[in-house]
C-alpha cells in the first residue's frame, strides 16, 4: 500500500515542477537577469492630456493615468496639456514608482501606473 502512494507522490511532484517551469518560461524575461526580470514595452513618449490633484496624477494621451511620487508632485503640477513627456523604466524603483516621466532637460518625476482614464480618442 505504501509503494503506490510514494509513486503517486513522485509523479505529482514531477508534474508540478514541470508546470512551474512552463509558466516561468512563458513570461517575458530579460537576458542575464536574476531578479525582477520582466519587460514591458513603453512608448518613447506621450503628450500630457491632464494634470490633476496638484500634480498627484498625470493623464497621458493614451488614457494612461500615472501617480507621481510625493517629492516630484510640484514638478508635475507645472506640466500643461500638450507637453511631451518621455517614459523610461527606472533601474532602481522607489516604493513601486518604477517609471520616470521626463519633460525637457530637468523636469523629472517618478511615477507608477494608476490605471486608465478612458480609451484614446479615434481622431
N, C-alpha and C. Protein backbone atom coordinates (compact mmCIF):
# COMPACT_ATOMS: atom_id res chain seq x y z
N UNK A 1 0.82 -1.20 0.00
CA UNK A 1 0.00 0.00 0.00
C UNK A 1 0.86 1.25 0.00
N UNK A 2 1.98 1.23 0.68
CA UNK A 2 2.85 2.39 0.78
C UNK A 2 3.57 2.69 -0.54
N UNK A 3 3.89 1.65 -1.30
CA UNK A 3 4.61 1.82 -2.55
C UNK A 3 3.79 2.60 -3.58
N UNK A 4 2.51 2.34 -3.81
CA UNK A 4 1.75 3.13 -4.79
C UNK A 4 1.60 4.60 -4.38
N UNK A 5 1.52 4.86 -3.09
CA UNK A 5 1.38 6.24 -2.64
C UNK A 5 2.67 7.01 -2.90
N UNK A 6 3.82 6.40 -2.65
CA UNK A 6 5.09 7.10 -2.90
C UNK A 6 5.30 7.31 -4.40
N UNK A 7 4.87 6.36 -5.22
CA UNK A 7 4.99 6.54 -6.67
C UNK A 7 4.07 7.65 -7.15
N UNK A 8 2.87 7.70 -6.62
CA UNK A 8 1.93 8.76 -6.99
C UNK A 8 2.47 10.13 -6.55
N UNK A 9 3.07 10.19 -5.39
CA UNK A 9 3.65 11.44 -4.90
C UNK A 9 4.78 11.91 -5.82
N UNK A 10 5.62 10.99 -6.26
CA UNK A 10 6.73 11.33 -7.16
C UNK A 10 6.20 11.86 -8.49
N UNK A 11 5.16 11.24 -9.03
CA UNK A 11 4.57 11.69 -10.29
C UNK A 11 3.97 13.08 -10.13
N UNK A 12 3.25 13.31 -9.04
CA UNK A 12 2.65 14.62 -8.82
C UNK A 12 3.71 15.70 -8.66
N UNK A 13 4.80 15.40 -7.96
CA UNK A 13 5.88 16.37 -7.82
C UNK A 13 6.52 16.71 -9.16
N UNK A 14 6.77 15.70 -9.99
CA UNK A 14 7.35 15.95 -11.31
C UNK A 14 6.40 16.79 -12.16
N UNK A 15 5.12 16.49 -12.11
CA UNK A 15 4.13 17.24 -12.87
C UNK A 15 4.08 18.70 -12.41
N UNK A 16 4.13 18.92 -11.09
CA UNK A 16 4.09 20.27 -10.54
C UNK A 16 5.31 21.08 -10.95
N UNK A 17 6.50 20.48 -10.86
CA UNK A 17 7.72 21.19 -11.25
C UNK A 17 7.73 21.48 -12.74
N UNK A 18 7.22 20.56 -13.55
CA UNK A 18 7.17 20.77 -14.99
C UNK A 18 6.24 21.94 -15.32
N UNK A 19 5.06 22.02 -14.67
CA UNK A 19 4.11 23.11 -14.91
C UNK A 19 4.71 24.45 -14.48
N UNK A 20 5.43 24.47 -13.36
CA UNK A 20 6.06 25.71 -12.89
C UNK A 20 7.12 26.19 -13.87
N UNK A 21 7.89 25.26 -14.41
CA UNK A 21 8.92 25.63 -15.38
C UNK A 21 8.30 26.17 -16.67
N UNK A 22 7.17 25.58 -17.11
CA UNK A 22 6.49 26.07 -18.30
C UNK A 22 5.94 27.47 -18.07
N UNK A 23 5.36 27.74 -16.92
CA UNK A 23 4.79 29.05 -16.61
C UNK A 23 5.90 30.11 -16.55
N UNK A 24 7.03 29.76 -15.97
CA UNK A 24 8.14 30.70 -15.89
C UNK A 24 8.71 30.98 -17.27
N UNK A 25 8.78 29.98 -18.13
CA UNK A 25 9.31 30.17 -19.47
C UNK A 25 8.38 31.02 -20.32
N UNK A 26 7.07 31.05 -20.01
CA UNK A 26 6.11 31.80 -20.80
C UNK A 26 6.21 33.30 -20.55
N UNK A 27 6.65 33.73 -19.35
CA UNK A 27 6.75 35.15 -19.05
C UNK A 27 7.94 35.76 -19.79
N UNK A 28 7.80 36.98 -20.32
CA UNK A 28 8.94 37.60 -21.00
C UNK A 28 10.07 37.85 -20.02
N UNK A 29 11.25 37.42 -20.37
CA UNK A 29 12.40 37.52 -19.49
C UNK A 29 13.47 38.40 -20.14
N UNK A 30 14.19 39.12 -19.32
CA UNK A 30 15.32 39.88 -19.79
C UNK A 30 16.56 39.00 -19.73
N UNK A 31 17.44 39.09 -20.72
CA UNK A 31 18.64 38.24 -20.69
C UNK A 31 19.55 38.62 -19.53
N UNK A 32 20.18 37.63 -18.94
CA UNK A 32 21.13 37.81 -17.83
C UNK A 32 20.52 38.55 -16.65
N UNK A 33 19.28 38.29 -16.36
CA UNK A 33 18.59 38.96 -15.26
C UNK A 33 18.21 37.93 -14.23
N UNK A 34 18.50 38.24 -12.95
CA UNK A 34 18.22 37.29 -11.89
C UNK A 34 17.07 37.71 -10.98
N UNK A 35 16.66 38.98 -11.03
CA UNK A 35 15.62 39.46 -10.12
C UNK A 35 14.77 40.49 -10.85
N UNK A 36 13.47 40.46 -10.63
CA UNK A 36 12.55 41.42 -11.24
C UNK A 36 12.70 41.41 -12.76
N UNK A 37 12.68 40.23 -13.34
CA UNK A 37 13.02 40.05 -14.74
C UNK A 37 11.80 40.00 -15.64
N UNK A 38 11.26 41.13 -15.95
CA UNK A 38 10.18 41.21 -16.91
C UNK A 38 10.42 42.44 -17.77
N UNK A 39 9.83 42.46 -18.92
CA UNK A 39 9.99 43.63 -19.76
C UNK A 39 8.63 44.09 -20.25
N UNK A 40 8.44 45.38 -20.21
CA UNK A 40 7.23 45.99 -20.72
C UNK A 40 7.67 47.02 -21.74
N UNK A 41 7.10 46.97 -22.91
CA UNK A 41 7.47 47.91 -23.94
C UNK A 41 6.68 49.20 -23.73
N UNK A 42 7.40 50.26 -23.41
CA UNK A 42 6.78 51.56 -23.21
C UNK A 42 6.91 52.38 -24.49
N UNK A 43 5.99 53.27 -24.73
CA UNK A 43 6.19 54.19 -25.84
C UNK A 43 7.35 55.13 -25.51
N UNK A 44 7.99 55.68 -26.52
CA UNK A 44 9.10 56.61 -26.28
C UNK A 44 8.62 57.79 -25.44
N UNK A 45 7.46 58.30 -25.77
CA UNK A 45 6.90 59.41 -25.03
C UNK A 45 5.48 59.68 -25.48
N UNK A 46 4.76 60.45 -24.69
CA UNK A 46 3.37 60.78 -24.99
C UNK A 46 3.10 62.22 -24.56
N UNK A 47 2.03 62.78 -25.08
CA UNK A 47 1.62 64.12 -24.70
C UNK A 47 0.74 64.07 -23.45
N UNK A 48 0.87 65.08 -22.62
CA UNK A 48 0.07 65.20 -21.41
C UNK A 48 -1.34 65.61 -21.81
N UNK A 49 -2.32 64.89 -21.31
CA UNK A 49 -3.71 65.25 -21.52
C UNK A 49 -4.23 66.09 -20.36
N UNK A 50 -3.83 65.71 -19.12
CA UNK A 50 -4.37 66.39 -17.94
C UNK A 50 -3.45 66.14 -16.74
N UNK A 51 -3.31 67.14 -15.90
CA UNK A 51 -2.62 67.02 -14.61
C UNK A 51 -3.65 67.34 -13.54
N UNK A 52 -3.84 66.42 -12.60
CA UNK A 52 -4.89 66.60 -11.58
C UNK A 52 -4.33 66.50 -10.17
N UNK A 53 -5.11 66.99 -9.25
CA UNK A 53 -4.84 66.88 -7.82
C UNK A 53 -3.47 67.44 -7.44
N UNK A 54 -3.17 68.63 -7.97
CA UNK A 54 -1.92 69.30 -7.61
C UNK A 54 -0.67 68.57 -8.07
N UNK A 55 -0.75 67.85 -9.17
CA UNK A 55 0.40 67.11 -9.68
C UNK A 55 0.47 65.69 -9.19
N UNK A 56 -0.53 65.23 -8.46
CA UNK A 56 -0.53 63.85 -7.96
C UNK A 56 -0.72 62.84 -9.08
N UNK A 57 -1.50 63.22 -10.10
CA UNK A 57 -1.80 62.30 -11.20
C UNK A 57 -1.61 63.02 -12.53
N UNK A 58 -1.01 62.32 -13.47
CA UNK A 58 -0.83 62.82 -14.82
C UNK A 58 -1.50 61.84 -15.77
N UNK A 59 -2.41 62.35 -16.58
CA UNK A 59 -3.07 61.52 -17.60
C UNK A 59 -2.42 61.84 -18.93
N UNK A 60 -2.00 60.80 -19.64
CA UNK A 60 -1.35 60.97 -20.93
C UNK A 60 -2.33 60.73 -22.06
N UNK A 61 -1.90 61.02 -23.28
CA UNK A 61 -2.80 60.99 -24.43
C UNK A 61 -3.40 59.61 -24.70
N UNK A 62 -2.76 58.54 -24.27
CA UNK A 62 -3.31 57.20 -24.49
C UNK A 62 -4.32 56.81 -23.42
N UNK A 63 -4.60 57.71 -22.47
CA UNK A 63 -5.56 57.43 -21.41
C UNK A 63 -4.94 56.83 -20.17
N UNK A 64 -3.63 56.57 -20.19
CA UNK A 64 -2.98 56.01 -19.00
C UNK A 64 -2.86 57.10 -17.94
N UNK A 65 -3.13 56.71 -16.69
CA UNK A 65 -3.05 57.64 -15.56
C UNK A 65 -1.87 57.21 -14.70
N UNK A 66 -0.97 58.15 -14.43
CA UNK A 66 0.25 57.87 -13.68
C UNK A 66 0.22 58.63 -12.36
N UNK A 67 0.45 57.90 -11.27
CA UNK A 67 0.56 58.53 -9.96
C UNK A 67 2.00 58.98 -9.78
N UNK A 68 2.17 60.24 -9.40
CA UNK A 68 3.50 60.82 -9.24
C UNK A 68 3.93 60.72 -7.78
N UNK A 69 5.19 60.36 -7.57
CA UNK A 69 5.73 60.24 -6.21
C UNK A 69 5.73 61.62 -5.54
N UNK A 70 5.44 61.65 -4.25
CA UNK A 70 5.22 62.88 -3.50
C UNK A 70 6.29 63.97 -3.74
N UNK A 71 7.59 63.69 -3.65
CA UNK A 71 8.57 64.77 -3.81
C UNK A 71 8.56 65.43 -5.19
N UNK A 72 8.09 64.74 -6.23
CA UNK A 72 8.09 65.30 -7.57
C UNK A 72 6.75 65.91 -7.99
N UNK A 73 5.77 65.91 -7.12
CA UNK A 73 4.45 66.46 -7.48
C UNK A 73 4.49 67.94 -7.83
N UNK A 74 5.30 68.76 -7.15
CA UNK A 74 5.38 70.16 -7.58
C UNK A 74 5.90 70.31 -9.02
N UNK A 75 6.82 69.43 -9.40
CA UNK A 75 7.34 69.47 -10.77
C UNK A 75 6.23 69.11 -11.75
N UNK A 76 5.53 68.02 -11.48
CA UNK A 76 4.47 67.56 -12.39
C UNK A 76 3.31 68.55 -12.44
N UNK A 77 3.08 69.29 -11.36
CA UNK A 77 1.96 70.24 -11.35
C UNK A 77 2.19 71.38 -12.34
N UNK A 78 3.43 71.60 -12.74
CA UNK A 78 3.72 72.67 -13.71
C UNK A 78 3.52 72.23 -15.16
N UNK A 79 3.31 70.94 -15.39
CA UNK A 79 3.10 70.45 -16.75
C UNK A 79 1.72 70.85 -17.24
N UNK A 80 1.63 71.15 -18.52
CA UNK A 80 0.39 71.60 -19.13
C UNK A 80 -0.09 70.59 -20.17
N UNK A 81 -1.39 70.57 -20.46
CA UNK A 81 -1.87 69.72 -21.56
C UNK A 81 -1.13 70.08 -22.85
N UNK A 82 -0.67 69.06 -23.54
CA UNK A 82 0.08 69.26 -24.77
C UNK A 82 1.59 69.15 -24.58
N UNK A 83 2.08 69.16 -23.33
CA UNK A 83 3.50 68.96 -23.08
C UNK A 83 3.87 67.52 -23.40
N UNK A 84 5.05 67.33 -23.97
CA UNK A 84 5.52 65.99 -24.32
C UNK A 84 6.42 65.48 -23.19
N UNK A 85 6.15 64.25 -22.72
CA UNK A 85 6.98 63.64 -21.69
C UNK A 85 7.53 62.31 -22.20
N UNK A 86 8.78 62.05 -21.87
CA UNK A 86 9.41 60.77 -22.16
C UNK A 86 9.06 59.78 -21.06
N UNK A 87 8.96 58.50 -21.39
CA UNK A 87 8.71 57.45 -20.41
C UNK A 87 9.88 56.49 -20.42
N UNK A 88 10.50 56.29 -19.27
CA UNK A 88 11.62 55.35 -19.18
C UNK A 88 11.50 54.52 -17.91
N UNK A 89 11.82 53.22 -18.00
CA UNK A 89 11.83 52.41 -16.77
C UNK A 89 13.00 52.83 -15.89
N UNK A 90 12.79 52.80 -14.59
CA UNK A 90 13.85 53.16 -13.65
C UNK A 90 14.63 51.91 -13.27
N UNK A 91 15.93 52.05 -13.17
CA UNK A 91 16.77 50.93 -12.78
C UNK A 91 16.60 50.55 -11.32
N UNK A 92 16.31 51.53 -10.48
CA UNK A 92 16.14 51.29 -9.04
C UNK A 92 14.83 51.94 -8.59
N UNK A 93 13.71 51.22 -8.74
CA UNK A 93 12.41 51.79 -8.34
C UNK A 93 12.36 52.11 -6.85
N UNK A 94 11.61 53.14 -6.52
CA UNK A 94 11.43 53.56 -5.14
C UNK A 94 9.95 53.41 -4.81
N UNK A 95 9.62 52.61 -3.82
CA UNK A 95 8.24 52.40 -3.37
C UNK A 95 7.30 52.07 -4.55
N UNK A 96 7.72 51.22 -5.44
CA UNK A 96 6.96 50.78 -6.62
C UNK A 96 6.75 51.87 -7.66
N UNK A 97 7.38 53.01 -7.52
CA UNK A 97 7.38 54.03 -8.58
C UNK A 97 8.52 53.65 -9.52
N UNK A 98 8.17 52.99 -10.62
CA UNK A 98 9.19 52.36 -11.45
C UNK A 98 9.36 52.97 -12.84
N UNK A 99 8.64 54.06 -13.13
CA UNK A 99 8.74 54.73 -14.42
C UNK A 99 9.13 56.18 -14.19
N UNK A 100 10.05 56.69 -15.01
CA UNK A 100 10.47 58.07 -14.91
C UNK A 100 9.84 58.84 -16.07
N UNK A 101 9.04 59.84 -15.74
CA UNK A 101 8.47 60.74 -16.73
C UNK A 101 9.36 61.97 -16.80
N UNK A 102 9.79 62.33 -18.00
CA UNK A 102 10.72 63.44 -18.18
C UNK A 102 10.15 64.45 -19.16
N UNK A 103 10.11 65.71 -18.74
CA UNK A 103 9.67 66.81 -19.60
C UNK A 103 10.83 67.78 -19.71
N UNK A 104 11.35 67.97 -20.90
CA UNK A 104 12.50 68.84 -21.07
C UNK A 104 13.75 68.20 -20.50
N UNK A 105 14.74 69.05 -20.16
CA UNK A 105 16.01 68.53 -19.66
C UNK A 105 16.03 68.28 -18.16
N UNK A 106 15.20 69.01 -17.41
CA UNK A 106 15.34 68.95 -15.96
C UNK A 106 14.09 68.54 -15.20
N UNK A 107 12.93 68.60 -15.82
CA UNK A 107 11.69 68.22 -15.13
C UNK A 107 11.51 66.71 -15.18
N UNK A 108 11.72 66.06 -14.06
CA UNK A 108 11.60 64.60 -13.98
C UNK A 108 10.72 64.23 -12.80
N UNK A 109 9.92 63.19 -13.01
CA UNK A 109 9.03 62.74 -11.94
C UNK A 109 8.95 61.22 -11.96
N UNK A 110 9.13 60.62 -10.78
CA UNK A 110 8.97 59.17 -10.64
C UNK A 110 7.48 58.87 -10.59
N UNK A 111 7.07 57.84 -11.33
CA UNK A 111 5.64 57.56 -11.45
C UNK A 111 5.38 56.06 -11.43
N UNK A 112 4.13 55.72 -11.11
CA UNK A 112 3.67 54.34 -11.26
C UNK A 112 2.29 54.38 -11.90
N UNK A 113 1.99 53.36 -12.65
CA UNK A 113 0.72 53.30 -13.37
C UNK A 113 -0.41 53.16 -12.37
N UNK A 114 -1.37 54.09 -12.44
CA UNK A 114 -2.51 54.08 -11.52
C UNK A 114 -3.76 53.53 -12.19
N UNK A 115 -3.78 53.48 -13.50
CA UNK A 115 -4.95 52.97 -14.20
C UNK A 115 -5.12 53.61 -15.56
N UNK A 116 -6.35 53.58 -16.03
CA UNK A 116 -6.66 54.13 -17.34
C UNK A 116 -7.92 54.97 -17.21
N UNK A 117 -7.83 56.21 -17.71
CA UNK A 117 -8.97 57.12 -17.65
C UNK A 117 -10.06 56.66 -18.61
N UNK A 118 -9.72 56.50 -19.85
CA UNK A 118 -10.62 56.03 -20.89
C UNK A 118 -9.79 55.78 -22.13
N UNK A 119 -10.28 55.00 -23.06
CA UNK A 119 -9.51 54.71 -24.26
C UNK A 119 -9.18 55.99 -25.03
N UNK A 120 -8.06 56.00 -25.76
CA UNK A 120 -7.71 57.18 -26.52
C UNK A 120 -8.77 57.45 -27.60
N UNK A 121 -8.99 58.72 -27.88
CA UNK A 121 -9.99 59.09 -28.89
C UNK A 121 -9.47 58.71 -30.28
N UNK A 122 -10.38 58.31 -31.14
CA UNK A 122 -10.05 57.91 -32.50
C UNK A 122 -10.25 59.09 -33.44
N UNK A 123 -9.26 59.96 -33.51
CA UNK A 123 -9.37 61.15 -34.34
C UNK A 123 -8.75 60.93 -35.69
